[in-house]
């Protein structure tokens, strides 16, 4: 089969354009994720590697990792809602995924704004049952994170060693670090932003 010069040139241009678009998409995604990390560090400057792991885990897998049935989830949510004081000063929600689909809704500020308890729980439950990602996506975001040492204060090696340890355990969900729990007393639900509209 013979190919004309014009066909070869057109094919080359098409492949180059496709490669450019793909590279730009990844570049835009990395920039968005970098902004997310910057915001998290500003809000929670004592974040540990464990907390970054939890952030990415939730950004990729949503709240599916909770592993509770609806009744248990409702009971746990009711107690946490009752125990969490209102705080208008806290940020209402944190976007944690670069695609903008997943957020953490902070219960204290959500309550203070008059937010519906039922709506938040329904959004949480829907997200846990209908949203999940892939390990490939998780590793991609972790790879981005490793290059943000100037923001996080952790070396690429430290991140790599932590991930190696978690991979050996099957890449499980994780709790916040003790210092994060003590300083920031996190109380939120991970939900699809579309379910809060």
N, C-alpha and C. Protein backbone atom coordinates (compact mmCIF):
# COMPACT_ATOMS: atom_id res chain seq x y z
N UNK A 1 0.85 -1.19 0.00
CA UNK A 1 0.00 0.00 0.00
C UNK A 1 0.89 1.24 0.00
N UNK A 2 0.60 2.16 -0.90
CA UNK A 2 1.39 3.37 -1.00
C UNK A 2 0.66 4.52 -0.30
N UNK A 3 1.44 5.32 0.41
CA UNK A 3 0.88 6.48 1.10
C UNK A 3 1.40 7.75 0.44
N UNK A 4 0.52 8.68 0.18
CA UNK A 4 0.95 9.94 -0.41
C UNK A 4 1.62 10.80 0.64
N UNK A 5 2.39 11.74 0.18
CA UNK A 5 3.08 12.64 1.09
C UNK A 5 2.07 13.41 1.94
N UNK A 6 0.97 13.86 1.31
CA UNK A 6 -0.05 14.62 2.04
C UNK A 6 -0.68 13.78 3.14
N UNK A 7 -0.90 12.49 2.86
CA UNK A 7 -1.50 11.60 3.86
C UNK A 7 -0.57 11.43 5.05
N UNK A 8 0.72 11.27 4.77
CA UNK A 8 1.70 11.09 5.84
C UNK A 8 1.78 12.33 6.72
N UNK A 9 1.79 13.50 6.05
CA UNK A 9 1.86 14.76 6.80
C UNK A 9 0.61 14.95 7.66
N UNK A 10 -0.56 14.65 7.06
CA UNK A 10 -1.82 14.80 7.79
C UNK A 10 -1.86 13.87 9.00
N UNK A 11 -1.39 12.64 8.83
CA UNK A 11 -1.35 11.68 9.94
C UNK A 11 -0.43 12.15 11.03
N UNK A 12 0.72 12.68 10.66
CA UNK A 12 1.69 13.19 11.63
C UNK A 12 1.09 14.34 12.44
N UNK A 13 0.41 15.25 11.73
CA UNK A 13 -0.21 16.40 12.41
C UNK A 13 -1.29 15.94 13.38
N UNK A 14 -2.09 14.98 12.94
CA UNK A 14 -3.17 14.46 13.79
C UNK A 14 -2.62 13.81 15.04
N UNK A 15 -1.59 12.98 14.89
CA UNK A 15 -0.99 12.32 16.05
C UNK A 15 -0.34 13.32 16.99
N UNK A 16 0.29 14.33 16.42
CA UNK A 16 0.94 15.36 17.24
C UNK A 16 -0.09 16.14 18.03
N UNK A 17 -1.22 16.46 17.38
CA UNK A 17 -2.29 17.21 18.04
C UNK A 17 -2.91 16.39 19.16
N UNK A 18 -3.13 15.11 18.89
CA UNK A 18 -3.70 14.21 19.91
C UNK A 18 -2.79 14.12 21.11
N UNK A 19 -1.50 14.00 20.84
CA UNK A 19 -0.51 13.92 21.92
C UNK A 19 -0.48 15.21 22.72
N UNK A 20 -0.59 16.34 22.02
CA UNK A 20 -0.59 17.65 22.68
C UNK A 20 -1.79 17.80 23.60
N UNK A 21 -2.98 17.41 23.08
CA UNK A 21 -4.21 17.51 23.87
C UNK A 21 -4.15 16.64 25.12
N UNK A 22 -3.61 15.44 24.95
CA UNK A 22 -3.49 14.53 26.08
C UNK A 22 -2.54 15.10 27.13
N UNK A 23 -1.42 15.64 26.66
CA UNK A 23 -0.45 16.23 27.57
C UNK A 23 -1.02 17.43 28.29
N UNK A 24 -1.78 18.26 27.55
CA UNK A 24 -2.39 19.44 28.16
C UNK A 24 -3.42 19.05 29.21
N UNK A 25 -4.18 17.99 28.92
CA UNK A 25 -5.18 17.52 29.88
C UNK A 25 -4.52 17.10 31.20
N UNK A 26 -3.43 16.34 31.09
CA UNK A 26 -2.72 15.91 32.29
C UNK A 26 -2.10 17.10 33.00
N UNK A 27 -1.60 18.08 32.21
CA UNK A 27 -0.98 19.26 32.79
C UNK A 27 -2.02 20.07 33.56
N UNK A 28 -3.20 20.26 32.96
CA UNK A 28 -4.28 21.00 33.63
C UNK A 28 -4.71 20.29 34.91
N UNK A 29 -4.81 18.97 34.84
CA UNK A 29 -5.22 18.19 36.00
C UNK A 29 -4.20 18.33 37.13
N UNK A 30 -2.94 18.30 36.78
CA UNK A 30 -1.89 18.42 37.79
C UNK A 30 -1.92 19.79 38.45
N UNK A 31 -2.16 20.83 37.64
CA UNK A 31 -2.24 22.19 38.18
C UNK A 31 -3.42 22.30 39.15
N UNK A 32 -4.56 21.74 38.76
CA UNK A 32 -5.74 21.78 39.64
C UNK A 32 -5.48 21.02 40.94
N UNK A 33 -4.81 19.89 40.83
CA UNK A 33 -4.53 19.11 42.04
C UNK A 33 -3.51 19.83 42.92
N UNK A 34 -2.58 20.51 42.29
CA UNK A 34 -1.59 21.29 43.04
C UNK A 34 -2.29 22.39 43.83
N UNK A 35 -3.27 23.03 43.23
CA UNK A 35 -4.03 24.07 43.92
C UNK A 35 -4.80 23.48 45.11
N UNK A 36 -5.32 22.27 44.93
CA UNK A 36 -6.04 21.59 46.01
C UNK A 36 -5.09 21.35 47.19
N UNK A 37 -3.90 20.85 46.88
CA UNK A 37 -2.91 20.58 47.93
C UNK A 37 -2.49 21.86 48.62
N UNK A 38 -2.29 22.93 47.86
CA UNK A 38 -1.92 24.22 48.45
C UNK A 38 -2.99 24.67 49.44
N UNK A 39 -4.23 24.56 49.04
CA UNK A 39 -5.35 24.97 49.90
C UNK A 39 -5.39 24.13 51.18
N UNK A 40 -5.20 22.82 51.02
CA UNK A 40 -5.21 21.93 52.18
C UNK A 40 -4.09 22.28 53.16
N UNK A 41 -2.93 22.57 52.64
CA UNK A 41 -1.79 22.92 53.50
C UNK A 41 -2.05 24.24 54.23
N UNK A 42 -2.68 25.18 53.53
CA UNK A 42 -3.01 26.46 54.17
C UNK A 42 -4.02 26.27 55.30
N UNK A 43 -4.98 25.39 55.07
CA UNK A 43 -6.01 25.14 56.08
C UNK A 43 -5.53 24.24 57.21
N UNK A 44 -4.70 23.26 56.85
CA UNK A 44 -4.25 22.24 57.80
C UNK A 44 -2.74 22.06 57.68
N UNK A 45 -1.96 23.03 58.15
CA UNK A 45 -0.51 23.02 57.95
C UNK A 45 0.23 21.84 58.60
N UNK A 46 -0.40 21.14 59.53
CA UNK A 46 0.26 20.01 60.17
C UNK A 46 -0.13 18.67 59.54
N UNK A 47 -0.59 18.69 58.32
CA UNK A 47 -0.93 17.45 57.62
C UNK A 47 0.26 16.51 57.56
N UNK A 48 0.01 15.25 57.83
CA UNK A 48 1.03 14.22 57.75
C UNK A 48 0.83 13.44 56.44
N UNK A 49 1.80 12.63 56.08
CA UNK A 49 1.67 11.84 54.84
C UNK A 49 0.40 11.00 54.87
N UNK A 50 0.07 10.48 56.04
CA UNK A 50 -1.14 9.69 56.21
C UNK A 50 -2.40 10.47 55.81
N UNK A 51 -2.38 11.78 56.09
CA UNK A 51 -3.53 12.62 55.76
C UNK A 51 -3.61 12.91 54.26
N UNK A 52 -2.45 13.02 53.63
CA UNK A 52 -2.44 13.18 52.16
C UNK A 52 -2.95 11.90 51.50
N UNK A 53 -2.57 10.78 52.07
CA UNK A 53 -3.03 9.50 51.55
C UNK A 53 -4.56 9.42 51.63
N UNK A 54 -5.10 9.82 52.77
CA UNK A 54 -6.55 9.79 52.96
C UNK A 54 -7.24 10.73 51.98
N UNK A 55 -6.65 11.90 51.77
CA UNK A 55 -7.21 12.87 50.84
C UNK A 55 -7.33 12.29 49.44
N UNK A 56 -6.25 11.70 48.95
CA UNK A 56 -6.27 11.12 47.60
C UNK A 56 -7.20 9.93 47.54
N UNK A 57 -7.19 9.13 48.58
CA UNK A 57 -8.08 7.96 48.62
C UNK A 57 -9.54 8.40 48.48
N UNK A 58 -9.92 9.43 49.20
CA UNK A 58 -11.29 9.91 49.13
C UNK A 58 -11.58 10.60 47.80
N UNK A 59 -10.59 11.31 47.26
CA UNK A 59 -10.77 11.98 45.98
C UNK A 59 -11.04 10.98 44.86
N UNK A 60 -10.41 9.81 44.97
CA UNK A 60 -10.54 8.78 43.92
C UNK A 60 -11.70 7.83 44.19
N UNK A 61 -11.80 7.36 45.40
CA UNK A 61 -12.80 6.32 45.72
C UNK A 61 -14.05 6.85 46.42
N UNK A 62 -14.10 8.15 46.67
CA UNK A 62 -15.27 8.72 47.32
C UNK A 62 -15.44 8.19 48.74
N UNK A 63 -16.66 7.92 49.12
CA UNK A 63 -16.93 7.42 50.48
C UNK A 63 -17.25 5.93 50.48
N UNK A 64 -16.94 5.26 49.38
CA UNK A 64 -17.25 3.83 49.26
C UNK A 64 -16.49 2.99 50.28
N UNK A 65 -15.38 3.54 50.78
CA UNK A 65 -14.53 2.78 51.70
C UNK A 65 -15.12 2.66 53.11
N UNK A 66 -16.23 3.37 53.38
CA UNK A 66 -16.77 3.38 54.73
C UNK A 66 -17.21 1.99 55.18
N UNK A 67 -17.71 1.19 54.25
CA UNK A 67 -18.03 -0.21 54.56
C UNK A 67 -19.14 -0.41 55.56
N UNK A 68 -20.12 0.49 55.59
CA UNK A 68 -21.25 0.36 56.53
C UNK A 68 -22.54 0.14 55.76
N UNK A 69 -23.50 -0.53 56.42
CA UNK A 69 -24.82 -0.59 55.80
C UNK A 69 -25.54 0.71 56.11
N UNK A 70 -26.68 0.92 55.50
CA UNK A 70 -27.40 2.19 55.62
C UNK A 70 -27.79 2.53 57.05
N UNK A 71 -28.20 1.52 57.82
CA UNK A 71 -28.63 1.75 59.20
C UNK A 71 -27.45 2.20 60.07
N UNK A 72 -26.33 1.49 59.96
CA UNK A 72 -25.13 1.86 60.73
C UNK A 72 -24.65 3.25 60.34
N UNK A 73 -24.65 3.53 59.03
CA UNK A 73 -24.20 4.83 58.54
C UNK A 73 -25.09 5.95 59.08
N UNK A 74 -26.40 5.70 59.13
CA UNK A 74 -27.34 6.70 59.64
C UNK A 74 -27.11 6.95 61.13
N UNK A 75 -26.91 5.90 61.90
CA UNK A 75 -26.69 6.03 63.34
C UNK A 75 -25.41 6.79 63.63
N UNK A 76 -24.37 6.46 62.90
CA UNK A 76 -23.08 7.13 63.08
C UNK A 76 -23.19 8.61 62.71
N UNK A 77 -23.89 8.87 61.60
CA UNK A 77 -24.06 10.24 61.14
C UNK A 77 -24.88 11.05 62.13
N UNK A 78 -25.95 10.48 62.65
CA UNK A 78 -26.81 11.18 63.61
C UNK A 78 -26.03 11.60 64.85
N UNK A 79 -25.19 10.69 65.34
CA UNK A 79 -24.39 10.98 66.53
C UNK A 79 -23.37 12.09 66.25
N UNK A 80 -22.69 11.97 65.11
CA UNK A 80 -21.68 12.97 64.78
C UNK A 80 -22.33 14.34 64.55
N UNK A 81 -23.48 14.36 63.91
CA UNK A 81 -24.19 15.61 63.69
C UNK A 81 -24.54 16.26 65.03
N UNK A 82 -25.04 15.46 65.95
CA UNK A 82 -25.43 15.98 67.26
C UNK A 82 -24.23 16.46 68.07
N UNK A 83 -23.11 15.78 67.92
CA UNK A 83 -21.91 16.10 68.72
C UNK A 83 -21.07 17.23 68.14
N UNK A 84 -21.31 17.61 66.90
CA UNK A 84 -20.49 18.62 66.24
C UNK A 84 -21.09 20.01 66.40
N UNK A 85 -20.38 20.92 67.07
CA UNK A 85 -20.91 22.28 67.27
C UNK A 85 -20.87 23.08 65.97
N UNK A 86 -21.75 24.04 65.85
CA UNK A 86 -21.76 24.90 64.67
C UNK A 86 -20.54 25.82 64.68
N UNK A 87 -20.02 26.09 63.48
CA UNK A 87 -18.86 26.97 63.36
C UNK A 87 -18.91 27.68 62.01
N UNK A 88 -19.37 28.92 62.02
CA UNK A 88 -19.50 29.69 60.79
C UNK A 88 -18.14 30.04 60.19
N UNK A 89 -17.10 30.03 61.02
CA UNK A 89 -15.78 30.43 60.55
C UNK A 89 -15.13 29.35 59.68
N UNK A 90 -15.56 28.10 59.86
CA UNK A 90 -14.96 27.02 59.09
C UNK A 90 -15.48 27.03 57.66
N UNK A 91 -14.62 26.61 56.76
CA UNK A 91 -15.00 26.55 55.35
C UNK A 91 -16.10 25.52 55.17
N UNK A 92 -17.12 25.87 54.37
CA UNK A 92 -18.28 25.00 54.17
C UNK A 92 -17.89 23.68 53.51
N UNK A 93 -17.07 23.74 52.47
CA UNK A 93 -16.69 22.52 51.75
C UNK A 93 -15.31 22.66 51.14
N UNK A 94 -14.60 21.55 51.04
CA UNK A 94 -13.28 21.50 50.42
C UNK A 94 -13.37 20.61 49.18
N UNK A 95 -13.01 21.15 48.03
CA UNK A 95 -12.92 20.33 46.83
C UNK A 95 -11.65 19.51 46.93
N UNK A 96 -11.76 18.19 46.76
CA UNK A 96 -10.57 17.35 46.93
C UNK A 96 -10.18 16.57 45.68
N UNK A 97 -11.01 16.61 44.64
CA UNK A 97 -10.65 15.92 43.40
C UNK A 97 -10.42 16.93 42.29
N UNK A 98 -9.39 16.73 41.47
CA UNK A 98 -9.10 17.70 40.41
C UNK A 98 -10.20 17.84 39.36
N UNK A 99 -11.07 16.85 39.26
CA UNK A 99 -12.19 16.97 38.32
C UNK A 99 -13.35 17.76 38.93
N UNK A 100 -13.19 18.13 40.21
CA UNK A 100 -14.18 18.96 40.88
C UNK A 100 -15.43 18.24 41.32
N UNK A 101 -15.48 16.93 41.17
CA UNK A 101 -16.71 16.18 41.46
C UNK A 101 -16.87 15.81 42.93
N UNK A 102 -15.75 15.66 43.64
CA UNK A 102 -15.81 15.19 45.03
C UNK A 102 -15.42 16.30 46.00
N UNK A 103 -16.24 16.47 47.03
CA UNK A 103 -15.96 17.48 48.05
C UNK A 103 -16.10 16.87 49.44
N UNK A 104 -15.47 17.52 50.40
CA UNK A 104 -15.69 17.22 51.81
C UNK A 104 -16.60 18.33 52.34
N UNK A 105 -17.76 17.96 52.83
CA UNK A 105 -18.66 18.95 53.43
C UNK A 105 -18.42 18.94 54.94
N UNK A 106 -17.96 20.06 55.46
CA UNK A 106 -17.68 20.17 56.89
C UNK A 106 -18.98 20.38 57.66
N UNK A 107 -19.26 19.45 58.54
CA UNK A 107 -20.54 19.45 59.24
C UNK A 107 -20.76 20.71 60.07
N UNK A 108 -19.72 21.20 60.74
CA UNK A 108 -19.89 22.36 61.62
C UNK A 108 -20.38 23.60 60.87
N UNK A 109 -19.75 23.91 59.74
CA UNK A 109 -20.16 25.09 58.99
C UNK A 109 -21.44 24.84 58.20
N UNK A 110 -21.64 23.59 57.79
CA UNK A 110 -22.87 23.24 57.07
C UNK A 110 -24.07 23.42 57.99
N UNK A 111 -23.93 22.99 59.23
CA UNK A 111 -25.00 23.18 60.22
C UNK A 111 -25.23 24.67 60.46
N UNK A 112 -24.13 25.41 60.60
CA UNK A 112 -24.23 26.84 60.90
C UNK A 112 -24.93 27.60 59.78
N UNK A 113 -24.82 27.11 58.56
CA UNK A 113 -25.45 27.78 57.42
C UNK A 113 -26.90 27.35 57.23
N UNK A 114 -27.39 26.48 58.13
CA UNK A 114 -28.76 26.02 58.04
C UNK A 114 -28.94 24.86 57.08
N UNK A 115 -27.86 24.16 56.81
CA UNK A 115 -27.91 23.03 55.88
C UNK A 115 -28.79 21.90 56.39
N UNK A 116 -29.36 21.18 55.45
CA UNK A 116 -30.26 20.07 55.79
C UNK A 116 -29.49 18.81 56.15
N UNK A 117 -29.75 18.31 57.33
CA UNK A 117 -29.12 17.08 57.80
C UNK A 117 -29.48 15.92 56.86
N UNK A 118 -30.73 15.83 56.48
CA UNK A 118 -31.19 14.74 55.62
C UNK A 118 -30.54 14.80 54.24
N UNK A 119 -30.39 16.02 53.72
CA UNK A 119 -29.80 16.19 52.39
C UNK A 119 -28.34 15.73 52.38
N UNK A 120 -27.60 16.10 53.42
CA UNK A 120 -26.20 15.71 53.49
C UNK A 120 -26.05 14.20 53.62
N UNK A 121 -26.87 13.60 54.46
CA UNK A 121 -26.78 12.16 54.63
C UNK A 121 -27.16 11.43 53.34
N UNK A 122 -28.20 11.89 52.69
CA UNK A 122 -28.62 11.27 51.43
C UNK A 122 -27.53 11.38 50.38
N UNK A 123 -26.87 12.54 50.32
CA UNK A 123 -25.78 12.74 49.36
C UNK A 123 -24.61 11.81 49.67
N UNK A 124 -24.31 11.68 50.95
CA UNK A 124 -23.24 10.79 51.38
C UNK A 124 -23.54 9.34 51.01
N UNK A 125 -24.77 8.92 51.29
CA UNK A 125 -25.15 7.54 51.02
C UNK A 125 -25.14 7.26 49.51
N UNK A 126 -25.65 8.20 48.74
CA UNK A 126 -25.66 8.04 47.27
C UNK A 126 -24.23 7.92 46.75
N UNK A 127 -23.36 8.78 47.24
CA UNK A 127 -21.96 8.78 46.79
C UNK A 127 -21.28 7.46 47.13
N UNK A 128 -21.54 6.96 48.33
CA UNK A 128 -20.90 5.72 48.77
C UNK A 128 -21.31 4.53 47.92
N UNK A 129 -22.51 4.60 47.36
CA UNK A 129 -23.03 3.48 46.59
C UNK A 129 -22.80 3.63 45.08
N UNK A 130 -22.56 4.85 44.62
CA UNK A 130 -22.54 5.08 43.18
C UNK A 130 -21.26 5.68 42.62
N UNK A 131 -20.31 5.98 43.48
CA UNK A 131 -19.08 6.59 42.97
C UNK A 131 -17.86 5.83 43.44
N UNK A 132 -16.99 5.52 42.51
CA UNK A 132 -15.70 4.94 42.87
C UNK A 132 -14.74 5.16 41.71
N UNK A 133 -13.47 5.07 41.99
CA UNK A 133 -12.46 5.27 40.96
C UNK A 133 -11.62 4.03 40.77
N UNK A 134 -10.39 4.23 40.32
CA UNK A 134 -9.50 3.11 40.05
C UNK A 134 -8.14 3.33 40.71
N UNK A 135 -7.43 2.24 40.88
CA UNK A 135 -6.08 2.34 41.44
C UNK A 135 -5.17 3.12 40.50
N UNK A 136 -5.43 3.01 39.20
CA UNK A 136 -4.63 3.76 38.23
C UNK A 136 -4.76 5.26 38.49
N UNK A 137 -5.98 5.71 38.75
CA UNK A 137 -6.22 7.12 39.04
C UNK A 137 -5.55 7.50 40.36
N UNK A 138 -5.63 6.62 41.33
CA UNK A 138 -5.00 6.88 42.63
C UNK A 138 -3.49 7.07 42.45
N UNK A 139 -2.85 6.16 41.73
CA UNK A 139 -1.40 6.24 41.54
C UNK A 139 -1.00 7.50 40.78
N UNK A 140 -1.84 7.92 39.85
CA UNK A 140 -1.54 9.12 39.08
C UNK A 140 -1.53 10.36 39.99
N UNK A 141 -2.54 10.47 40.86
CA UNK A 141 -2.58 11.60 41.78
C UNK A 141 -1.44 11.53 42.79
N UNK A 142 -1.10 10.32 43.20
CA UNK A 142 0.02 10.18 44.14
C UNK A 142 1.33 10.60 43.48
N UNK A 143 1.47 10.27 42.21
CA UNK A 143 2.66 10.67 41.45
C UNK A 143 2.75 12.20 41.39
N UNK A 144 1.61 12.85 41.18
CA UNK A 144 1.60 14.32 41.21
C UNK A 144 2.05 14.81 42.58
N UNK A 145 1.48 14.20 43.62
CA UNK A 145 1.79 14.62 44.99
C UNK A 145 3.28 14.55 45.29
N UNK A 146 3.92 13.52 44.79
CA UNK A 146 5.36 13.35 45.04
C UNK A 146 6.19 14.52 44.51
N UNK A 147 5.65 15.24 43.54
CA UNK A 147 6.40 16.35 42.95
C UNK A 147 6.09 17.69 43.64
N UNK A 148 5.26 17.65 44.67
CA UNK A 148 4.89 18.88 45.38
C UNK A 148 5.64 19.05 46.70
N UNK A 149 6.85 18.57 46.77
CA UNK A 149 7.62 18.60 48.02
C UNK A 149 7.77 20.01 48.58
N UNK A 150 7.90 20.99 47.70
CA UNK A 150 8.09 22.37 48.16
C UNK A 150 6.83 22.89 48.87
N UNK A 151 5.70 22.25 48.61
CA UNK A 151 4.44 22.66 49.25
C UNK A 151 4.19 21.84 50.52
N UNK A 152 4.38 20.53 50.41
CA UNK A 152 4.05 19.64 51.53
C UNK A 152 5.14 19.56 52.59
N UNK A 153 6.38 19.77 52.16
CA UNK A 153 7.50 19.64 53.09
C UNK A 153 8.01 18.22 53.21
N UNK A 154 7.40 17.30 52.47
CA UNK A 154 7.84 15.90 52.48
C UNK A 154 8.56 15.57 51.18
N UNK A 155 9.58 14.75 51.29
CA UNK A 155 10.37 14.39 50.11
C UNK A 155 9.64 13.34 49.27
N UNK A 156 10.05 13.26 48.02
CA UNK A 156 9.49 12.25 47.12
C UNK A 156 9.74 10.86 47.68
N UNK A 157 10.90 10.67 48.28
CA UNK A 157 11.26 9.38 48.86
C UNK A 157 10.32 9.02 50.01
N UNK A 158 9.98 9.99 50.83
CA UNK A 158 9.07 9.74 51.96
C UNK A 158 7.70 9.31 51.48
N UNK A 159 7.21 9.98 50.46
CA UNK A 159 5.92 9.62 49.89
C UNK A 159 5.98 8.22 49.27
N UNK A 160 7.07 7.94 48.56
CA UNK A 160 7.22 6.64 47.89
C UNK A 160 7.27 5.50 48.90
N UNK A 161 7.97 5.71 50.00
CA UNK A 161 8.08 4.68 51.03
C UNK A 161 6.73 4.42 51.70
N UNK A 162 5.98 5.49 51.93
CA UNK A 162 4.66 5.33 52.55
C UNK A 162 3.74 4.54 51.62
N UNK A 163 3.76 4.91 50.34
CA UNK A 163 2.90 4.22 49.38
C UNK A 163 3.28 2.75 49.25
N UNK A 164 4.56 2.48 49.26
CA UNK A 164 5.04 1.09 49.17
C UNK A 164 4.48 0.26 50.32
N UNK A 165 4.47 0.84 51.49
CA UNK A 165 3.94 0.17 52.67
C UNK A 165 2.44 -0.09 52.55
N UNK A 166 1.71 0.91 52.03
CA UNK A 166 0.26 0.76 51.89
C UNK A 166 -0.10 -0.21 50.77
N UNK A 167 0.70 -0.23 49.73
CA UNK A 167 0.45 -1.18 48.64
C UNK A 167 0.63 -2.61 49.12
N UNK A 168 1.59 -2.81 50.01
CA UNK A 168 1.84 -4.14 50.57
C UNK A 168 0.64 -4.61 51.40
N UNK A 169 -0.14 -3.66 51.89
CA UNK A 169 -1.33 -3.98 52.69
C UNK A 169 -2.59 -4.06 51.83
N UNK A 170 -2.42 -3.84 50.52
CA UNK A 170 -3.58 -3.91 49.63
C UNK A 170 -4.24 -2.57 49.35
N UNK A 171 -3.53 -1.48 49.63
CA UNK A 171 -4.03 -0.12 49.42
C UNK A 171 -5.35 0.11 50.18
N UNK A 172 -5.33 -0.05 51.49
CA UNK A 172 -6.57 0.10 52.28
C UNK A 172 -6.91 1.57 52.55
N UNK A 173 -8.12 1.79 53.04
CA UNK A 173 -8.49 3.12 53.51
C UNK A 173 -7.69 3.41 54.78
N UNK A 174 -7.58 4.68 55.13
CA UNK A 174 -6.79 5.04 56.32
C UNK A 174 -7.50 6.12 57.12
N UNK A 175 -7.20 6.17 58.41
CA UNK A 175 -7.72 7.23 59.27
C UNK A 175 -6.83 8.45 59.14
N UNK A 176 -7.30 9.58 59.64
CA UNK A 176 -6.43 10.74 59.74
C UNK A 176 -5.36 10.45 60.78
N UNK A 177 -4.25 11.17 60.69
CA UNK A 177 -3.18 11.00 61.66
C UNK A 177 -3.65 11.53 63.02
N UNK A 178 -2.98 11.09 64.05
CA UNK A 178 -3.34 11.50 65.41
C UNK A 178 -3.23 13.01 65.57
N UNK A 179 -2.17 13.59 65.01
CA UNK A 179 -1.96 15.04 65.16
C UNK A 179 -3.03 15.83 64.40
N UNK A 180 -3.45 15.32 63.26
CA UNK A 180 -4.51 15.96 62.48
C UNK A 180 -5.82 15.92 63.26
N UNK A 181 -6.13 14.76 63.82
CA UNK A 181 -7.35 14.60 64.61
C UNK A 181 -7.34 15.56 65.81
N UNK A 182 -6.21 15.66 66.47
CA UNK A 182 -6.11 16.48 67.68
C UNK A 182 -6.23 17.97 67.37
N UNK A 183 -5.55 18.41 66.31
CA UNK A 183 -5.53 19.83 66.00
C UNK A 183 -6.77 20.33 65.27
N UNK A 184 -7.30 19.52 64.36
CA UNK A 184 -8.35 20.01 63.48
C UNK A 184 -9.73 19.38 63.71
N UNK A 185 -9.76 18.32 64.52
CA UNK A 185 -11.03 17.67 64.85
C UNK A 185 -11.94 17.53 63.62
N UNK A 186 -11.50 16.82 62.62
CA UNK A 186 -12.27 16.71 61.37
C UNK A 186 -13.63 16.05 61.56
N UNK A 187 -14.62 16.67 60.98
CA UNK A 187 -15.98 16.13 61.01
C UNK A 187 -16.64 16.54 59.69
N UNK A 188 -16.65 15.63 58.75
CA UNK A 188 -17.16 15.95 57.42
C UNK A 188 -17.71 14.70 56.76
N UNK A 189 -18.33 14.90 55.60
CA UNK A 189 -18.77 13.79 54.78
C UNK A 189 -18.27 14.02 53.35
N UNK A 190 -17.81 12.96 52.74
CA UNK A 190 -17.32 13.01 51.37
C UNK A 190 -18.49 12.73 50.44
N UNK A 191 -18.78 13.68 49.58
CA UNK A 191 -19.95 13.55 48.70
C UNK A 191 -19.66 14.06 47.29
N UNK A 192 -20.49 13.65 46.35
CA UNK A 192 -20.48 14.21 45.01
C UNK A 192 -21.08 15.61 45.09
N UNK A 193 -20.39 16.58 44.54
CA UNK A 193 -20.88 17.96 44.60
C UNK A 193 -22.24 18.09 43.92
N UNK A 194 -22.48 17.28 42.92
CA UNK A 194 -23.76 17.32 42.19
C UNK A 194 -24.94 16.96 43.09
N UNK A 195 -24.68 16.20 44.16
CA UNK A 195 -25.75 15.79 45.06
C UNK A 195 -26.09 16.83 46.12
N UNK A 196 -25.30 17.91 46.13
CA UNK A 196 -25.54 18.96 47.12
C UNK A 196 -26.21 20.17 46.50
N UNK A 197 -26.56 20.10 45.24
CA UNK A 197 -27.18 21.24 44.56
C UNK A 197 -28.69 21.23 44.77
